[in-house]
């Protein structure tokens, strides 16, 4: 059956690395440090936190009740009593026209955030957003 669901997913290839084309067919941009939903009305249900040691944590945006940003401290997210601390550099810098990590989190358009390992952090440009640590 041409164009069937099985055919669609059976022929799916793994995603390309972040250095390749940043956009995929689902309206998600891989900006290296975080993913960004392009659609104006797109919203993520959960925020996935990808740690450099392979651990993954996820928190429902519905529980996000408070966000703080201090350039010297980073971004602090309050999820129903749990505090998530995101530290790094250029956390509020524009990575694409009108795309900033903090602003995208406030609008629930970030489905995931990824900690950078040491080589990735060193290779990143001076103005790139780099997540150095995520503390849960």
N, C-alpha and C. Protein backbone atom coordinates (compact mmCIF):
# COMPACT_ATOMS: atom_id res chain seq x y z
N UNK A 1 0.85 -1.18 0.00
CA UNK A 1 0.00 0.00 0.00
C UNK A 1 0.89 1.24 0.00
N UNK A 2 0.88 2.00 -1.05
CA UNK A 2 1.74 3.17 -1.18
C UNK A 2 1.30 4.27 -0.22
N UNK A 3 2.28 4.83 0.48
CA UNK A 3 2.01 5.91 1.41
C UNK A 3 1.38 5.46 2.72
N UNK A 4 1.48 4.18 3.04
CA UNK A 4 0.88 3.69 4.28
C UNK A 4 1.70 4.13 5.48
N UNK A 5 1.09 4.07 6.64
CA UNK A 5 1.76 4.43 7.87
C UNK A 5 2.97 3.56 8.13
N UNK A 6 2.83 2.26 7.87
CA UNK A 6 3.94 1.34 8.06
C UNK A 6 5.12 1.72 7.19
N UNK A 7 4.85 2.06 5.94
CA UNK A 7 5.90 2.45 5.00
C UNK A 7 6.58 3.73 5.48
N UNK A 8 5.79 4.65 5.97
CA UNK A 8 6.31 5.94 6.43
C UNK A 8 7.34 5.75 7.55
N UNK A 9 7.02 4.92 8.53
CA UNK A 9 7.90 4.75 9.68
C UNK A 9 8.98 3.69 9.44
N UNK A 10 8.74 2.74 8.57
CA UNK A 10 9.73 1.72 8.27
C UNK A 10 10.90 2.30 7.50
N UNK A 11 10.64 3.34 6.73
CA UNK A 11 11.71 3.94 5.93
C UNK A 11 12.35 5.14 6.63
N UNK A 12 11.96 5.38 7.88
CA UNK A 12 12.50 6.52 8.63
C UNK A 12 13.98 6.32 8.92
N UNK A 13 14.77 7.31 8.56
CA UNK A 13 16.20 7.27 8.84
C UNK A 13 16.49 8.03 10.12
N UNK A 14 17.58 7.68 10.83
CA UNK A 14 17.92 8.41 12.04
C UNK A 14 18.18 9.89 11.74
N UNK A 15 17.94 10.72 12.73
CA UNK A 15 18.15 12.16 12.55
C UNK A 15 19.61 12.46 12.27
N UNK A 16 19.84 13.51 11.50
CA UNK A 16 21.20 13.93 11.20
C UNK A 16 21.76 14.68 12.39
N UNK A 17 23.09 14.76 12.50
CA UNK A 17 23.69 15.49 13.61
C UNK A 17 23.31 16.97 13.59
N UNK A 18 23.51 17.64 14.72
CA UNK A 18 23.13 19.04 14.86
C UNK A 18 23.85 19.93 13.86
N UNK A 19 25.02 19.54 13.39
CA UNK A 19 25.76 20.36 12.44
C UNK A 19 25.17 20.31 11.04
N UNK A 20 24.33 19.32 10.78
CA UNK A 20 23.68 19.20 9.47
C UNK A 20 22.48 20.14 9.42
N UNK A 21 21.63 19.99 8.43
CA UNK A 21 20.46 20.85 8.29
C UNK A 21 19.65 20.83 9.58
N UNK A 22 19.37 22.00 10.17
CA UNK A 22 18.74 22.06 11.48
C UNK A 22 17.25 21.77 11.51
N UNK A 23 16.59 21.73 10.38
CA UNK A 23 15.14 21.58 10.39
C UNK A 23 14.74 20.18 9.96
N UNK A 24 13.68 19.67 10.57
CA UNK A 24 13.15 18.40 10.13
C UNK A 24 11.71 18.60 9.67
N UNK A 25 11.13 17.54 9.16
CA UNK A 25 9.80 17.64 8.56
C UNK A 25 8.70 17.90 9.59
N UNK A 26 8.96 17.69 10.85
CA UNK A 26 7.94 17.84 11.88
C UNK A 26 7.88 19.25 12.46
N UNK A 27 8.62 20.18 11.94
CA UNK A 27 8.59 21.55 12.45
C UNK A 27 9.44 21.76 13.67
N UNK A 28 10.48 20.96 13.82
CA UNK A 28 11.38 21.06 14.96
C UNK A 28 12.78 21.42 14.48
N UNK A 29 13.35 22.48 15.04
CA UNK A 29 14.73 22.86 14.73
C UNK A 29 15.63 22.34 15.84
N UNK A 30 16.74 21.70 15.46
CA UNK A 30 17.77 21.28 16.41
C UNK A 30 18.80 22.39 16.43
N UNK A 31 18.82 23.17 17.51
CA UNK A 31 19.73 24.30 17.61
C UNK A 31 20.97 23.96 18.44
N UNK A 32 21.26 22.68 18.56
CA UNK A 32 22.44 22.23 19.31
C UNK A 32 22.16 22.07 20.79
N UNK A 33 21.97 23.18 21.49
CA UNK A 33 21.72 23.15 22.92
C UNK A 33 20.26 22.84 23.26
N UNK A 34 19.38 23.12 22.32
CA UNK A 34 17.95 22.88 22.57
C UNK A 34 17.19 22.72 21.26
N UNK A 35 16.03 22.10 21.38
CA UNK A 35 15.13 21.98 20.25
C UNK A 35 14.12 23.10 20.30
N UNK A 36 13.65 23.52 19.11
CA UNK A 36 12.70 24.63 19.04
C UNK A 36 11.58 24.27 18.08
N UNK A 37 10.34 24.37 18.55
CA UNK A 37 9.18 24.12 17.71
C UNK A 37 8.89 25.38 16.89
N UNK A 38 8.95 25.26 15.56
CA UNK A 38 8.81 26.41 14.67
C UNK A 38 7.40 26.94 14.56
N UNK A 39 6.41 26.09 14.59
CA UNK A 39 5.03 26.53 14.37
C UNK A 39 4.58 27.52 15.42
N UNK A 40 3.93 28.59 14.98
CA UNK A 40 3.50 29.65 15.90
C UNK A 40 2.58 29.10 16.98
N UNK A 41 1.76 28.12 16.64
CA UNK A 41 0.82 27.55 17.60
C UNK A 41 1.34 26.27 18.25
N UNK A 42 2.53 25.81 17.85
CA UNK A 42 3.09 24.57 18.42
C UNK A 42 3.49 24.78 19.87
N UNK A 43 3.16 23.79 20.70
CA UNK A 43 3.54 23.80 22.12
C UNK A 43 3.97 22.40 22.50
N UNK A 44 4.99 22.32 23.34
CA UNK A 44 5.46 21.04 23.83
C UNK A 44 4.72 20.71 25.12
N UNK A 45 4.41 19.44 25.31
CA UNK A 45 3.72 19.00 26.52
C UNK A 45 4.72 18.85 27.67
N UNK A 46 5.93 18.36 27.34
CA UNK A 46 6.95 18.14 28.36
C UNK A 46 8.27 18.75 27.92
N UNK A 47 9.11 19.05 28.90
CA UNK A 47 10.47 19.51 28.65
C UNK A 47 11.41 18.37 29.03
N UNK A 48 12.12 17.86 28.04
CA UNK A 48 13.05 16.75 28.24
C UNK A 48 14.45 17.33 28.48
N UNK A 49 15.09 16.88 29.55
CA UNK A 49 16.42 17.34 29.91
C UNK A 49 17.41 16.21 29.65
N UNK A 50 18.31 16.42 28.69
CA UNK A 50 19.27 15.39 28.29
C UNK A 50 20.62 15.71 28.93
N UNK A 51 21.03 14.85 29.85
CA UNK A 51 22.29 15.06 30.56
C UNK A 51 23.44 14.44 29.78
N UNK A 52 24.63 14.99 29.95
CA UNK A 52 25.79 14.50 29.19
C UNK A 52 26.20 13.08 29.56
N UNK A 53 25.78 12.58 30.73
CA UNK A 53 26.11 11.21 31.13
C UNK A 53 25.10 10.19 30.60
N UNK A 54 24.11 10.66 29.81
CA UNK A 54 23.13 9.75 29.23
C UNK A 54 21.80 9.73 29.94
N UNK A 55 21.73 10.28 31.16
CA UNK A 55 20.45 10.33 31.87
C UNK A 55 19.50 11.29 31.15
N UNK A 56 18.22 11.00 31.27
CA UNK A 56 17.20 11.88 30.70
C UNK A 56 16.11 12.09 31.76
N UNK A 57 15.72 13.33 31.95
CA UNK A 57 14.61 13.68 32.84
C UNK A 57 13.59 14.44 32.01
N UNK A 58 12.34 14.35 32.37
CA UNK A 58 11.31 15.10 31.65
C UNK A 58 10.31 15.65 32.66
N UNK A 59 9.87 16.87 32.41
CA UNK A 59 8.93 17.55 33.29
C UNK A 59 7.80 18.14 32.45
N UNK A 60 6.58 18.00 32.93
CA UNK A 60 5.42 18.54 32.23
C UNK A 60 5.37 20.05 32.34
N UNK A 61 5.22 20.70 31.20
CA UNK A 61 5.11 22.16 31.21
C UNK A 61 3.92 22.63 32.05
N UNK A 62 2.90 21.80 32.20
CA UNK A 62 1.74 22.17 33.00
C UNK A 62 2.13 22.45 34.45
N UNK A 63 3.24 21.86 34.90
CA UNK A 63 3.71 22.05 36.27
C UNK A 63 4.68 23.22 36.42
N UNK A 64 5.07 23.84 35.32
CA UNK A 64 6.00 24.97 35.36
C UNK A 64 5.26 26.20 35.87
N UNK A 65 5.57 26.59 37.11
CA UNK A 65 4.84 27.72 37.68
C UNK A 65 5.67 28.97 37.86
N UNK A 66 6.99 28.87 37.69
CA UNK A 66 7.84 30.05 37.91
C UNK A 66 9.16 29.86 37.18
N UNK A 67 9.63 30.92 36.52
CA UNK A 67 10.91 30.90 35.81
C UNK A 67 11.70 32.13 36.21
N UNK A 68 12.97 31.93 36.50
CA UNK A 68 13.85 33.05 36.84
C UNK A 68 15.06 33.01 35.92
N UNK A 69 15.54 34.20 35.53
CA UNK A 69 16.77 34.29 34.75
C UNK A 69 17.66 35.34 35.37
N UNK A 70 18.88 34.94 35.66
CA UNK A 70 19.91 35.85 36.14
C UNK A 70 21.14 35.54 35.29
N UNK A 71 21.65 36.51 34.53
CA UNK A 71 22.77 36.23 33.63
C UNK A 71 23.97 35.57 34.32
N UNK A 72 24.18 35.88 35.59
CA UNK A 72 25.33 35.29 36.29
C UNK A 72 25.00 33.92 36.90
N UNK A 73 23.72 33.61 37.06
CA UNK A 73 23.31 32.35 37.68
C UNK A 73 22.71 31.35 36.70
N UNK A 74 22.09 31.82 35.64
CA UNK A 74 21.46 30.95 34.66
C UNK A 74 19.94 31.01 34.76
N UNK A 75 19.29 29.96 34.28
CA UNK A 75 17.84 29.87 34.27
C UNK A 75 17.41 28.90 35.37
N UNK A 76 16.44 29.31 36.17
CA UNK A 76 15.88 28.46 37.21
C UNK A 76 14.42 28.20 36.88
N UNK A 77 14.06 26.91 36.80
CA UNK A 77 12.70 26.50 36.49
C UNK A 77 12.10 25.85 37.73
N UNK A 78 10.89 26.24 38.09
CA UNK A 78 10.20 25.68 39.24
C UNK A 78 9.04 24.84 38.72
N UNK A 79 9.15 23.53 38.87
CA UNK A 79 8.13 22.59 38.42
C UNK A 79 7.45 21.97 39.64
N UNK A 80 6.37 22.56 40.10
CA UNK A 80 5.60 21.98 41.19
C UNK A 80 6.44 21.54 42.38
N UNK A 81 7.29 22.38 42.87
CA UNK A 81 8.13 22.04 44.01
C UNK A 81 9.53 21.57 43.65
N UNK A 82 9.75 21.10 42.43
CA UNK A 82 11.09 20.70 41.97
C UNK A 82 11.76 21.90 41.33
N UNK A 83 13.03 22.10 41.63
CA UNK A 83 13.79 23.21 41.07
C UNK A 83 14.83 22.66 40.11
N UNK A 84 14.83 23.18 38.88
CA UNK A 84 15.78 22.80 37.85
C UNK A 84 16.65 24.01 37.57
N UNK A 85 17.95 23.83 37.63
CA UNK A 85 18.91 24.92 37.41
C UNK A 85 19.66 24.64 36.12
N UNK A 86 19.60 25.57 35.18
CA UNK A 86 20.30 25.44 33.90
C UNK A 86 21.38 26.51 33.85
N UNK A 87 22.63 26.09 33.76
CA UNK A 87 23.73 27.04 33.68
C UNK A 87 24.45 26.85 32.35
N UNK A 88 25.05 27.93 31.90
CA UNK A 88 25.78 27.89 30.64
C UNK A 88 26.07 29.30 30.18
N UNK A 89 26.28 29.43 28.87
CA UNK A 89 26.56 30.77 28.34
C UNK A 89 25.58 31.11 27.23
N UNK A 90 25.33 32.40 27.09
CA UNK A 90 24.41 32.93 26.08
C UNK A 90 23.01 32.32 26.19
N UNK A 91 22.54 32.14 27.42
CA UNK A 91 21.24 31.50 27.63
C UNK A 91 20.08 32.38 27.20
N UNK A 92 20.32 33.68 27.06
CA UNK A 92 19.26 34.57 26.59
C UNK A 92 19.67 35.26 25.30
N UNK A 93 20.61 34.67 24.58
CA UNK A 93 21.08 35.24 23.32
C UNK A 93 20.21 34.75 22.17
N UNK A 94 20.11 35.55 21.14
CA UNK A 94 19.35 35.19 19.95
C UNK A 94 20.17 34.21 19.12
N UNK A 95 19.68 32.98 18.97
CA UNK A 95 20.41 31.95 18.20
C UNK A 95 19.95 31.90 16.75
N UNK A 96 18.75 32.34 16.49
CA UNK A 96 18.19 32.54 15.16
C UNK A 96 17.35 33.80 15.29
N UNK A 97 16.97 34.41 14.19
CA UNK A 97 16.12 35.61 14.34
C UNK A 97 14.88 35.30 15.19
N UNK A 98 14.71 36.07 16.24
CA UNK A 98 13.58 35.96 17.17
C UNK A 98 13.51 34.64 17.92
N UNK A 99 14.62 33.94 18.08
CA UNK A 99 14.64 32.69 18.85
C UNK A 99 15.68 32.79 19.95
N UNK A 100 15.21 32.78 21.19
CA UNK A 100 16.05 32.80 22.40
C UNK A 100 15.57 31.66 23.30
N UNK A 101 16.50 31.00 23.96
CA UNK A 101 16.15 29.87 24.82
C UNK A 101 15.14 30.27 25.89
N UNK A 102 15.41 31.32 26.64
CA UNK A 102 14.51 31.72 27.72
C UNK A 102 13.12 32.03 27.19
N UNK A 103 13.03 32.81 26.16
CA UNK A 103 11.74 33.17 25.57
C UNK A 103 10.99 31.94 25.07
N UNK A 104 11.72 31.00 24.45
CA UNK A 104 11.10 29.78 23.93
C UNK A 104 10.58 28.89 25.07
N UNK A 105 11.29 28.84 26.18
CA UNK A 105 10.81 28.08 27.35
C UNK A 105 9.52 28.71 27.87
N UNK A 106 9.50 30.02 27.98
CA UNK A 106 8.31 30.71 28.49
C UNK A 106 7.09 30.45 27.62
N UNK A 107 7.31 30.19 26.34
CA UNK A 107 6.21 29.93 25.41
C UNK A 107 5.99 28.44 25.14
N UNK A 108 6.66 27.58 25.93
CA UNK A 108 6.52 26.12 25.85
C UNK A 108 6.87 25.59 24.46
N UNK A 109 7.86 26.19 23.82
CA UNK A 109 8.25 25.78 22.47
C UNK A 109 9.57 25.02 22.46
N UNK A 110 10.07 24.65 23.64
CA UNK A 110 11.31 23.88 23.75
C UNK A 110 10.97 22.46 24.20
N UNK A 111 11.07 21.47 23.32
CA UNK A 111 10.77 20.10 23.73
C UNK A 111 11.92 19.43 24.47
N UNK A 112 13.17 19.89 24.23
CA UNK A 112 14.32 19.30 24.91
C UNK A 112 15.46 20.30 25.04
N UNK A 113 16.27 20.06 26.07
CA UNK A 113 17.50 20.82 26.31
C UNK A 113 18.60 19.80 26.51
N UNK A 114 19.78 20.06 25.96
CA UNK A 114 20.88 19.10 26.02
C UNK A 114 22.13 19.75 26.64
N UNK A 115 22.69 19.06 27.66
CA UNK A 115 23.97 19.48 28.22
C UNK A 115 25.07 19.23 27.21
N UNK A 116 26.01 20.12 27.13
CA UNK A 116 27.14 19.95 26.21
C UNK A 116 28.27 19.24 26.94
N UNK A 117 28.90 18.28 26.25
CA UNK A 117 30.09 17.68 26.82
C UNK A 117 31.26 18.66 26.59
N UNK A 118 32.40 18.38 27.18
CA UNK A 118 33.54 19.31 27.12
C UNK A 118 33.96 19.65 25.69
N UNK A 119 34.14 18.67 24.78
CA UNK A 119 34.55 19.02 23.42
C UNK A 119 33.51 19.90 22.70
N UNK A 120 32.24 19.61 22.89
CA UNK A 120 31.18 20.40 22.25
C UNK A 120 31.20 21.83 22.77
N UNK A 121 31.36 22.00 24.07
CA UNK A 121 31.40 23.33 24.67
C UNK A 121 32.59 24.13 24.16
N UNK A 122 33.74 23.47 23.98
CA UNK A 122 34.93 24.16 23.49
C UNK A 122 34.82 24.53 22.02
N UNK A 123 34.16 23.68 21.23
CA UNK A 123 34.04 23.93 19.79
C UNK A 123 32.96 24.94 19.46
N UNK A 124 32.03 25.18 20.37
CA UNK A 124 30.91 26.09 20.11
C UNK A 124 31.43 27.51 19.89
N UNK A 125 30.79 28.22 19.01
CA UNK A 125 31.17 29.60 18.75
C UNK A 125 30.98 30.49 19.97
N UNK A 126 31.60 31.64 19.93
CA UNK A 126 31.53 32.58 21.04
C UNK A 126 30.12 33.01 21.37
N UNK A 127 29.26 33.10 20.36
CA UNK A 127 27.90 33.59 20.56
C UNK A 127 26.87 32.47 20.61
N UNK A 128 27.33 31.23 20.59
CA UNK A 128 26.41 30.09 20.63
C UNK A 128 25.86 29.89 22.04
N UNK A 129 24.62 29.39 22.12
CA UNK A 129 24.05 29.01 23.41
C UNK A 129 24.62 27.65 23.78
N UNK A 130 25.21 27.56 24.98
CA UNK A 130 25.82 26.31 25.45
C UNK A 130 25.27 26.01 26.84
N UNK A 131 24.73 24.82 27.01
CA UNK A 131 24.23 24.37 28.32
C UNK A 131 25.37 23.60 28.97
N UNK A 132 25.95 24.17 30.02
CA UNK A 132 27.08 23.52 30.69
C UNK A 132 26.62 22.51 31.73
N UNK A 133 25.49 22.82 32.41
CA UNK A 133 25.01 21.90 33.44
C UNK A 133 23.51 22.06 33.63
N UNK A 134 22.86 20.92 33.87
CA UNK A 134 21.45 20.91 34.26
C UNK A 134 21.38 20.19 35.59
N UNK A 135 20.94 20.90 36.63
CA UNK A 135 20.79 20.28 37.95
C UNK A 135 19.31 20.13 38.27
N UNK A 136 18.94 18.90 38.60
CA UNK A 136 17.54 18.59 38.96
C UNK A 136 17.43 18.40 40.45
